[in-house]
Amino acid sequence: MTPQSRKARPEAAMAGLKRSHQQRRNRSVTIVRRAISRLQEIGSPVTLGRIARISRELSDTGMGISESTILRNPECHQLYEEAAQPVRRRRAVGRSLAREVESPTDAERRRMHYLMRQTKAELAVRIIAVERELACSEKSNGVLRDRIIQEKLGLKSSFKEDLDITV
C-alpha cells in the first residue's frame, strides 16, 4: 500500500474498519473465555486444539476460533496461557546419554529410551532394587576375595560361615 492510497481513504471508512476489527476481537475473547471455562468444567486439559474444537460449538456461526487466532490475539493468548498447563518438553535422550557416556552403543540408546518412558516412582523402585543387588554382590565378592587370599596364604578356616550371605 502506497502512502498516497492511505491518504485517499476517508477517515470514516477507517473508523468503520477499526470498529469491525474490535468487535471481532471482542467476540474472539468471549468465545475463548467460554471455551476455557467449559474445558475446566469437564476437567479436560486446556490446549489450543481443544479450545478451537469447543469454540465451534459455542460460536453463533459454527465457525469457531482457530488456533492461530488465539495466538495472534493478545487477550486470547493471555487467557490461554493462564489456563493451560505448562507444556512438558521431551528431553533429547541422545544428547544427555552422549554427555554422560562416551560413544554410547545402540543397546544403551535403546535402554535409555525404555527407561525414559517410566515414571520417577518406577525408576526409584528400580534403583533401590539395583542398589540392594549391588550391595549383596559386593558382599559376596568380599567374601570370595578373602577366601582366595586365605587359600594363597595357606590359612584354613571354615568358609561355610563366610559364605552364609543373606539377601
N, C-alpha and C. Protein backbone atom coordinates (compact mmCIF):
# COMPACT_ATOMS: atom_id res chain seq x y z
N MET A 1 0.85 -1.17 0.00
CA MET A 1 0.00 0.00 0.00
C MET A 1 0.90 1.23 0.00
N THR A 2 0.65 2.11 -0.91
CA THR A 2 1.47 3.31 -1.04
C THR A 2 0.94 4.40 -0.11
N PRO A 3 1.78 5.36 0.24
CA PRO A 3 1.33 6.45 1.11
C PRO A 3 0.19 7.25 0.49
N GLN A 4 0.16 7.34 -0.83
CA GLN A 4 -0.91 8.11 -1.48
C GLN A 4 -2.26 7.42 -1.31
N SER A 5 -2.28 6.07 -1.41
CA SER A 5 -3.56 5.37 -1.28
C SER A 5 -4.08 5.43 0.16
N ARG A 6 -3.17 5.51 1.13
CA ARG A 6 -3.60 5.66 2.52
C ARG A 6 -4.31 6.99 2.72
N LYS A 7 -3.77 8.02 2.13
CA LYS A 7 -4.37 9.34 2.29
C LYS A 7 -5.71 9.42 1.57
N ALA A 8 -5.88 8.63 0.52
CA ALA A 8 -7.10 8.70 -0.27
C ALA A 8 -8.29 8.09 0.46
N ARG A 9 -8.04 7.18 1.41
CA ARG A 9 -9.15 6.57 2.14
C ARG A 9 -9.78 7.58 3.09
N PRO A 10 -11.06 7.62 3.10
CA PRO A 10 -11.72 8.53 4.04
C PRO A 10 -11.59 8.01 5.47
N GLU A 11 -11.53 8.92 6.40
CA GLU A 11 -11.40 8.57 7.82
C GLU A 11 -12.59 7.76 8.31
N ALA A 12 -13.75 8.00 7.76
CA ALA A 12 -14.95 7.28 8.19
C ALA A 12 -14.83 5.79 7.87
N ALA A 13 -14.27 5.47 6.71
CA ALA A 13 -14.11 4.07 6.33
C ALA A 13 -13.12 3.39 7.27
N MET A 14 -12.04 4.09 7.61
CA MET A 14 -11.05 3.53 8.53
C MET A 14 -11.66 3.31 9.91
N ALA A 15 -12.48 4.27 10.34
CA ALA A 15 -13.13 4.13 11.65
C ALA A 15 -14.06 2.93 11.64
N GLY A 16 -14.75 2.72 10.54
CA GLY A 16 -15.64 1.55 10.42
C GLY A 16 -14.86 0.25 10.46
N LEU A 17 -13.71 0.21 9.80
CA LEU A 17 -12.87 -0.99 9.82
C LEU A 17 -12.34 -1.26 11.23
N LYS A 18 -11.91 -0.19 11.90
CA LYS A 18 -11.39 -0.35 13.25
C LYS A 18 -12.48 -0.87 14.19
N ARG A 19 -13.69 -0.34 14.05
CA ARG A 19 -14.81 -0.76 14.89
C ARG A 19 -15.13 -2.25 14.62
N SER A 20 -15.17 -2.62 13.35
CA SER A 20 -15.44 -4.01 12.98
C SER A 20 -14.36 -4.94 13.52
N HIS A 21 -13.12 -4.51 13.39
CA HIS A 21 -11.99 -5.31 13.88
C HIS A 21 -12.08 -5.49 15.40
N GLN A 22 -12.41 -4.43 16.11
CA GLN A 22 -12.51 -4.51 17.57
C GLN A 22 -13.67 -5.43 17.98
N GLN A 23 -14.76 -5.40 17.25
CA GLN A 23 -15.89 -6.28 17.56
C GLN A 23 -15.50 -7.75 17.37
N ARG A 24 -14.77 -8.04 16.31
CA ARG A 24 -14.31 -9.41 16.07
C ARG A 24 -13.35 -9.86 17.17
N ARG A 25 -12.45 -8.95 17.58
CA ARG A 25 -11.52 -9.29 18.65
C ARG A 25 -12.27 -9.59 19.94
N ASN A 26 -13.25 -8.75 20.26
CA ASN A 26 -14.04 -8.95 21.48
C ASN A 26 -14.82 -10.26 21.42
N ARG A 27 -15.37 -10.57 20.24
CA ARG A 27 -16.10 -11.82 20.05
C ARG A 27 -15.16 -13.01 20.27
N SER A 28 -13.95 -12.91 19.74
CA SER A 28 -12.97 -13.99 19.91
C SER A 28 -12.64 -14.19 21.38
N VAL A 29 -12.43 -13.09 22.10
CA VAL A 29 -12.09 -13.18 23.52
C VAL A 29 -13.24 -13.84 24.29
N THR A 30 -14.46 -13.45 23.99
CA THR A 30 -15.62 -14.02 24.67
C THR A 30 -15.72 -15.52 24.42
N ILE A 31 -15.55 -15.93 23.18
CA ILE A 31 -15.65 -17.35 22.84
C ILE A 31 -14.52 -18.15 23.49
N VAL A 32 -13.32 -17.60 23.47
CA VAL A 32 -12.18 -18.30 24.09
C VAL A 32 -12.41 -18.43 25.59
N ARG A 33 -12.89 -17.38 26.22
CA ARG A 33 -13.15 -17.41 27.66
C ARG A 33 -14.19 -18.50 27.98
N ARG A 34 -15.26 -18.58 27.18
CA ARG A 34 -16.30 -19.59 27.40
C ARG A 34 -15.76 -21.01 27.13
N ALA A 35 -14.94 -21.14 26.11
CA ALA A 35 -14.37 -22.46 25.79
C ALA A 35 -13.45 -22.95 26.91
N ILE A 36 -12.64 -22.04 27.45
CA ILE A 36 -11.74 -22.42 28.54
C ILE A 36 -12.54 -22.83 29.77
N SER A 37 -13.58 -22.07 30.09
CA SER A 37 -14.38 -22.43 31.27
C SER A 37 -15.08 -23.78 31.05
N ARG A 38 -15.53 -24.07 29.83
CA ARG A 38 -16.16 -25.36 29.53
C ARG A 38 -15.15 -26.49 29.70
N LEU A 39 -13.93 -26.29 29.20
CA LEU A 39 -12.90 -27.33 29.34
C LEU A 39 -12.57 -27.57 30.81
N GLN A 40 -12.50 -26.51 31.60
CA GLN A 40 -12.20 -26.66 33.01
C GLN A 40 -13.34 -27.34 33.75
N GLU A 41 -14.58 -27.09 33.33
CA GLU A 41 -15.74 -27.74 33.96
C GLU A 41 -15.70 -29.25 33.77
N ILE A 42 -15.35 -29.68 32.57
CA ILE A 42 -15.33 -31.12 32.30
C ILE A 42 -14.00 -31.76 32.70
N GLY A 43 -13.06 -30.96 33.18
CA GLY A 43 -11.78 -31.49 33.65
C GLY A 43 -10.83 -31.88 32.54
N SER A 44 -11.00 -31.31 31.39
CA SER A 44 -10.14 -31.62 30.25
C SER A 44 -8.97 -30.63 30.21
N PRO A 45 -7.78 -31.05 29.80
CA PRO A 45 -6.66 -30.12 29.70
C PRO A 45 -6.95 -29.01 28.69
N VAL A 46 -6.48 -27.83 29.00
CA VAL A 46 -6.70 -26.67 28.12
C VAL A 46 -5.56 -26.62 27.12
N THR A 47 -5.88 -26.92 25.86
CA THR A 47 -4.89 -26.84 24.78
C THR A 47 -5.48 -26.01 23.65
N LEU A 48 -4.61 -25.56 22.76
CA LEU A 48 -5.09 -24.76 21.63
C LEU A 48 -6.10 -25.54 20.79
N GLY A 49 -5.80 -26.78 20.51
CA GLY A 49 -6.69 -27.60 19.69
C GLY A 49 -8.05 -27.81 20.33
N ARG A 50 -8.07 -28.04 21.63
CA ARG A 50 -9.35 -28.26 22.31
C ARG A 50 -10.17 -26.98 22.37
N ILE A 51 -9.49 -25.85 22.58
CA ILE A 51 -10.22 -24.57 22.58
C ILE A 51 -10.84 -24.35 21.21
N ALA A 52 -10.07 -24.59 20.15
CA ALA A 52 -10.58 -24.39 18.79
C ALA A 52 -11.77 -25.32 18.51
N ARG A 53 -11.69 -26.57 18.96
CA ARG A 53 -12.76 -27.53 18.73
C ARG A 53 -14.04 -27.13 19.48
N ILE A 54 -13.92 -26.76 20.74
CA ILE A 54 -15.10 -26.40 21.53
C ILE A 54 -15.65 -25.06 21.08
N SER A 55 -14.78 -24.18 20.58
CA SER A 55 -15.27 -22.86 20.15
C SER A 55 -16.24 -22.99 18.98
N ARG A 56 -16.12 -24.06 18.19
CA ARG A 56 -17.07 -24.26 17.09
C ARG A 56 -18.48 -24.51 17.63
N GLU A 57 -18.55 -25.23 18.75
CA GLU A 57 -19.85 -25.49 19.36
C GLU A 57 -20.43 -24.22 19.99
N LEU A 58 -19.57 -23.38 20.53
CA LEU A 58 -20.02 -22.20 21.25
C LEU A 58 -20.29 -21.01 20.34
N SER A 59 -19.76 -21.04 19.14
CA SER A 59 -19.90 -19.91 18.22
C SER A 59 -21.29 -19.85 17.62
N ASP A 60 -21.79 -18.63 17.40
CA ASP A 60 -23.10 -18.45 16.77
C ASP A 60 -23.08 -18.94 15.32
N THR A 61 -21.97 -18.70 14.64
CA THR A 61 -21.86 -19.06 13.23
C THR A 61 -21.44 -20.51 13.02
N GLY A 62 -20.91 -21.15 14.07
CA GLY A 62 -20.44 -22.53 13.95
C GLY A 62 -19.02 -22.63 13.42
N MET A 63 -18.39 -21.48 13.14
CA MET A 63 -17.02 -21.49 12.61
C MET A 63 -16.00 -21.59 13.73
N GLY A 64 -16.26 -20.99 14.86
CA GLY A 64 -15.33 -21.06 15.97
C GLY A 64 -14.13 -20.16 15.79
N ILE A 65 -13.12 -20.42 16.62
CA ILE A 65 -11.89 -19.63 16.63
C ILE A 65 -10.74 -20.57 16.28
N SER A 66 -9.88 -20.16 15.38
CA SER A 66 -8.74 -21.01 15.01
C SER A 66 -7.62 -20.86 16.03
N GLU A 67 -6.72 -21.83 16.01
CA GLU A 67 -5.57 -21.80 16.92
C GLU A 67 -4.71 -20.57 16.66
N SER A 68 -4.54 -20.22 15.40
CA SER A 68 -3.69 -19.06 15.07
C SER A 68 -4.33 -17.77 15.56
N THR A 69 -5.66 -17.69 15.56
CA THR A 69 -6.33 -16.50 16.08
C THR A 69 -6.06 -16.36 17.57
N ILE A 70 -6.09 -17.47 18.28
CA ILE A 70 -5.81 -17.44 19.72
C ILE A 70 -4.39 -16.94 19.96
N LEU A 71 -3.47 -17.37 19.13
CA LEU A 71 -2.08 -16.96 19.32
C LEU A 71 -1.83 -15.52 18.89
N ARG A 72 -2.54 -15.04 17.88
CA ARG A 72 -2.33 -13.67 17.39
C ARG A 72 -3.04 -12.62 18.24
N ASN A 73 -4.20 -12.96 18.78
CA ASN A 73 -4.96 -12.01 19.59
C ASN A 73 -4.33 -11.99 20.99
N PRO A 74 -3.76 -10.86 21.42
CA PRO A 74 -3.05 -10.82 22.70
C PRO A 74 -3.94 -11.18 23.90
N GLU A 75 -5.19 -10.76 23.88
CA GLU A 75 -6.07 -11.07 25.01
C GLU A 75 -6.41 -12.56 25.05
N CYS A 76 -6.69 -13.14 23.89
CA CYS A 76 -6.97 -14.58 23.82
C CYS A 76 -5.74 -15.38 24.23
N HIS A 77 -4.60 -14.95 23.76
CA HIS A 77 -3.36 -15.65 24.08
C HIS A 77 -3.09 -15.61 25.58
N GLN A 78 -3.35 -14.49 26.20
CA GLN A 78 -3.14 -14.37 27.64
C GLN A 78 -4.11 -15.29 28.39
N LEU A 79 -5.37 -15.34 27.97
CA LEU A 79 -6.34 -16.24 28.60
C LEU A 79 -5.89 -17.69 28.46
N TYR A 80 -5.42 -18.04 27.28
CA TYR A 80 -4.95 -19.41 27.04
C TYR A 80 -3.76 -19.74 27.94
N GLU A 81 -2.78 -18.85 28.01
CA GLU A 81 -1.58 -19.13 28.80
C GLU A 81 -1.89 -19.23 30.29
N GLU A 82 -2.84 -18.44 30.76
CA GLU A 82 -3.21 -18.51 32.18
C GLU A 82 -3.90 -19.83 32.51
N ALA A 83 -4.67 -20.36 31.58
CA ALA A 83 -5.45 -21.57 31.84
C ALA A 83 -4.70 -22.85 31.50
N ALA A 84 -3.77 -22.80 30.58
CA ALA A 84 -3.10 -24.01 30.11
C ALA A 84 -2.05 -24.48 31.11
N GLN A 85 -1.88 -25.78 31.14
CA GLN A 85 -0.82 -26.37 31.94
C GLN A 85 0.50 -26.17 31.19
N PRO A 86 1.60 -26.04 31.90
CA PRO A 86 2.87 -25.88 31.19
C PRO A 86 3.16 -27.11 30.33
N VAL A 87 3.68 -26.87 29.16
CA VAL A 87 3.98 -27.95 28.23
C VAL A 87 5.23 -28.65 28.71
N ARG A 88 5.13 -29.95 28.81
CA ARG A 88 6.27 -30.74 29.25
C ARG A 88 7.10 -31.10 28.03
N ARG A 89 8.27 -30.58 27.99
CA ARG A 89 9.15 -30.82 26.84
C ARG A 89 9.80 -32.19 26.96
N ARG A 90 9.88 -32.86 25.84
CA ARG A 90 10.58 -34.14 25.82
C ARG A 90 12.07 -33.87 25.84
N ARG A 91 12.74 -34.63 26.63
CA ARG A 91 14.18 -34.47 26.70
C ARG A 91 14.84 -35.25 25.57
N ALA A 92 15.86 -34.68 25.04
CA ALA A 92 16.60 -35.36 23.98
C ALA A 92 17.47 -36.43 24.64
N VAL A 93 17.11 -37.68 24.44
CA VAL A 93 17.79 -38.78 25.09
C VAL A 93 19.22 -38.89 24.60
N GLY A 94 19.42 -38.77 23.31
CA GLY A 94 20.75 -38.94 22.75
C GLY A 94 21.76 -37.96 23.30
N ARG A 95 21.36 -36.72 23.47
CA ARG A 95 22.30 -35.70 23.95
C ARG A 95 22.72 -35.97 25.39
N SER A 96 21.76 -36.26 26.27
CA SER A 96 22.11 -36.48 27.66
C SER A 96 22.93 -37.76 27.82
N LEU A 97 22.61 -38.77 27.04
CA LEU A 97 23.38 -40.00 27.10
C LEU A 97 24.79 -39.78 26.56
N ALA A 98 24.91 -39.02 25.48
CA ALA A 98 26.22 -38.76 24.89
C ALA A 98 27.10 -37.95 25.83
N ARG A 99 26.50 -37.06 26.62
CA ARG A 99 27.28 -36.26 27.57
C ARG A 99 27.85 -37.13 28.68
N GLU A 100 27.07 -38.09 29.16
CA GLU A 100 27.48 -38.92 30.29
C GLU A 100 28.34 -40.11 29.86
N VAL A 101 28.05 -40.67 28.69
CA VAL A 101 28.74 -41.86 28.23
C VAL A 101 29.38 -41.55 26.88
N GLU A 102 30.67 -41.80 26.79
CA GLU A 102 31.36 -41.54 25.52
C GLU A 102 30.99 -42.62 24.52
N SER A 103 30.52 -42.23 23.36
CA SER A 103 30.06 -43.08 22.26
C SER A 103 29.19 -44.25 22.75
N PRO A 104 27.93 -43.94 23.13
CA PRO A 104 27.03 -44.99 23.61
C PRO A 104 26.66 -45.96 22.49
N THR A 105 26.46 -47.20 22.86
CA THR A 105 26.10 -48.22 21.88
C THR A 105 24.60 -48.13 21.57
N ASP A 106 24.20 -48.85 20.53
CA ASP A 106 22.78 -48.89 20.17
C ASP A 106 21.95 -49.49 21.29
N ALA A 107 22.49 -50.51 21.93
CA ALA A 107 21.77 -51.15 23.04
C ALA A 107 21.57 -50.17 24.20
N GLU A 108 22.60 -49.36 24.47
CA GLU A 108 22.47 -48.36 25.54
C GLU A 108 21.44 -47.30 25.18
N ARG A 109 21.41 -46.90 23.92
CA ARG A 109 20.41 -45.91 23.48
C ARG A 109 18.99 -46.48 23.60
N ARG A 110 18.82 -47.73 23.18
CA ARG A 110 17.50 -48.37 23.31
C ARG A 110 17.09 -48.46 24.77
N ARG A 111 18.02 -48.82 25.62
CA ARG A 111 17.74 -48.93 27.06
C ARG A 111 17.36 -47.57 27.63
N MET A 112 18.04 -46.53 27.20
CA MET A 112 17.74 -45.17 27.68
C MET A 112 16.33 -44.76 27.26
N HIS A 113 15.94 -45.03 26.02
CA HIS A 113 14.58 -44.72 25.57
C HIS A 113 13.54 -45.47 26.40
N TYR A 114 13.83 -46.73 26.69
CA TYR A 114 12.91 -47.53 27.50
C TYR A 114 12.77 -46.93 28.90
N LEU A 115 13.88 -46.56 29.50
CA LEU A 115 13.84 -46.02 30.86
C LEU A 115 13.19 -44.64 30.91
N MET A 116 13.32 -43.85 29.84
CA MET A 116 12.73 -42.51 29.83
C MET A 116 11.21 -42.56 29.83
N ARG A 117 10.62 -43.68 29.46
CA ARG A 117 9.16 -43.80 29.46
C ARG A 117 8.60 -44.05 30.85
N GLN A 118 9.45 -44.44 31.79
CA GLN A 118 8.96 -44.78 33.12
C GLN A 118 8.81 -43.53 33.98
N THR A 119 7.96 -43.64 35.00
CA THR A 119 7.75 -42.52 35.91
C THR A 119 8.90 -42.48 36.92
N LYS A 120 8.96 -41.39 37.66
CA LYS A 120 10.01 -41.27 38.68
C LYS A 120 9.85 -42.34 39.75
N ALA A 121 8.62 -42.63 40.13
CA ALA A 121 8.39 -43.65 41.17
C ALA A 121 8.87 -45.02 40.69
N GLU A 122 8.57 -45.37 39.44
CA GLU A 122 9.02 -46.65 38.91
C GLU A 122 10.55 -46.71 38.85
N LEU A 123 11.16 -45.61 38.45
CA LEU A 123 12.63 -45.58 38.39
C LEU A 123 13.24 -45.67 39.79
N ALA A 124 12.61 -45.02 40.78
CA ALA A 124 13.12 -45.07 42.15
C ALA A 124 13.08 -46.51 42.68
N VAL A 125 12.01 -47.23 42.41
CA VAL A 125 11.90 -48.63 42.84
C VAL A 125 12.99 -49.46 42.19
N ARG A 126 13.21 -49.24 40.90
CA ARG A 126 14.27 -49.99 40.20
C ARG A 126 15.65 -49.68 40.75
N ILE A 127 15.90 -48.41 41.06
CA ILE A 127 17.21 -48.02 41.60
C ILE A 127 17.45 -48.69 42.94
N ILE A 128 16.44 -48.70 43.81
CA ILE A 128 16.59 -49.34 45.12
C ILE A 128 16.87 -50.83 44.96
N ALA A 129 16.17 -51.49 44.05
CA ALA A 129 16.39 -52.92 43.82
C ALA A 129 17.82 -53.17 43.31
N VAL A 130 18.28 -52.33 42.40
CA VAL A 130 19.64 -52.48 41.86
C VAL A 130 20.67 -52.21 42.95
N GLU A 131 20.43 -51.22 43.80
CA GLU A 131 21.37 -50.93 44.89
C GLU A 131 21.46 -52.09 45.86
N ARG A 132 20.32 -52.73 46.17
CA ARG A 132 20.34 -53.91 47.05
C ARG A 132 21.13 -55.04 46.42
N GLU A 133 20.89 -55.27 45.14
CA GLU A 133 21.60 -56.32 44.42
C GLU A 133 23.11 -56.04 44.39
N LEU A 134 23.47 -54.78 44.19
CA LEU A 134 24.88 -54.39 44.18
C LEU A 134 25.52 -54.61 45.55
N ALA A 135 24.82 -54.27 46.62
CA ALA A 135 25.35 -54.47 47.97
C ALA A 135 25.58 -55.95 48.24
N CYS A 136 24.63 -56.78 47.83
CA CYS A 136 24.78 -58.23 48.01
C CYS A 136 25.96 -58.75 47.19
N SER A 137 26.10 -58.27 45.97
CA SER A 137 27.19 -58.68 45.11
C SER A 137 28.54 -58.26 45.68
N GLU A 138 28.61 -57.04 46.20
CA GLU A 138 29.87 -56.57 46.81
C GLU A 138 30.24 -57.40 48.03
N LYS A 139 29.22 -57.77 48.82
CA LYS A 139 29.48 -58.61 49.99
C LYS A 139 30.01 -59.97 49.56
N SER A 140 29.39 -60.55 48.53
CA SER A 140 29.84 -61.86 48.01
C SER A 140 31.26 -61.77 47.47
N ASN A 141 31.54 -60.70 46.74
CA ASN A 141 32.89 -60.51 46.20
C ASN A 141 33.92 -60.37 47.31
N GLY A 142 33.56 -59.68 48.38
CA GLY A 142 34.48 -59.53 49.51
C GLY A 142 34.78 -60.86 50.18
N VAL A 143 33.75 -61.68 50.36
CA VAL A 143 33.93 -62.99 50.97
C VAL A 143 34.81 -63.86 50.08
N LEU A 144 34.54 -63.86 48.77
CA LEU A 144 35.35 -64.67 47.86
C LEU A 144 36.79 -64.19 47.80
N ARG A 145 36.98 -62.88 47.83
CA ARG A 145 38.33 -62.32 47.82
C ARG A 145 39.09 -62.77 49.08
N ASP A 146 38.44 -62.72 50.24
CA ASP A 146 39.07 -63.16 51.49
C ASP A 146 39.42 -64.65 51.43
N ARG A 147 38.53 -65.44 50.84
CA ARG A 147 38.77 -66.88 50.74
C ARG A 147 39.99 -67.16 49.86
N ILE A 148 40.09 -66.47 48.75
CA ILE A 148 41.23 -66.66 47.84
C ILE A 148 42.53 -66.26 48.54
N ILE A 149 42.51 -65.16 49.25
CA ILE A 149 43.71 -64.70 49.96
C ILE A 149 44.11 -65.71 51.03
N GLN A 150 43.13 -66.22 51.77
CA GLN A 150 43.44 -67.19 52.82
C GLN A 150 44.01 -68.48 52.22
N GLU A 151 43.47 -68.93 51.07
CA GLU A 151 43.99 -70.13 50.43
C GLU A 151 45.41 -69.92 49.95
N LYS A 152 45.68 -68.73 49.40
CA LYS A 152 47.03 -68.45 48.90
C LYS A 152 48.03 -68.37 50.05
N LEU A 153 47.59 -67.88 51.19
CA LEU A 153 48.48 -67.78 52.35
C LEU A 153 48.56 -69.10 53.11
N GLY A 154 47.73 -70.06 52.74
CA GLY A 154 47.77 -71.36 53.40
C GLY A 154 46.97 -71.40 54.68
N LEU A 155 46.13 -70.46 54.91
CA LEU A 155 45.30 -70.47 56.11
C LEU A 155 44.05 -71.28 55.84
N LYS A 156 43.71 -72.15 56.75
CA LYS A 156 42.50 -72.96 56.60
C LYS A 156 41.48 -72.45 57.61
N SER A 157 40.28 -72.23 57.12
CA SER A 157 39.19 -71.85 58.03
C SER A 157 37.89 -72.38 57.46
N SER A 158 36.87 -72.26 58.23
CA SER A 158 35.55 -72.73 57.80
C SER A 158 34.92 -71.67 56.91
N PHE A 159 34.84 -71.98 55.62
CA PHE A 159 34.32 -70.99 54.67
C PHE A 159 32.80 -71.04 54.56
N LYS A 160 32.21 -72.06 55.12
CA LYS A 160 30.76 -72.14 55.03
C LYS A 160 30.12 -70.99 55.81
N GLU A 161 30.71 -70.62 56.93
CA GLU A 161 30.16 -69.49 57.69
C GLU A 161 30.38 -68.19 56.92
N ASP A 162 31.52 -68.08 56.23
CA ASP A 162 31.81 -66.86 55.46
C ASP A 162 30.83 -66.69 54.30
N LEU A 163 30.46 -67.80 53.69
CA LEU A 163 29.61 -67.73 52.51
C LEU A 163 28.12 -67.63 52.84
N ASP A 164 27.78 -67.66 54.11
CA ASP A 164 26.38 -67.53 54.51
C ASP A 164 25.95 -66.08 54.32
N ILE A 165 25.43 -65.80 53.13
CA ILE A 165 25.05 -64.43 52.76
C ILE A 165 23.53 -64.35 52.75
N THR A 166 23.03 -63.38 53.47
CA THR A 166 21.57 -63.17 53.46
C THR A 166 21.24 -62.01 52.55
N VAL A 167 20.15 -62.19 51.85
CA VAL A 167 19.74 -61.16 50.88
C VAL A 167 18.76 -60.22 51.52
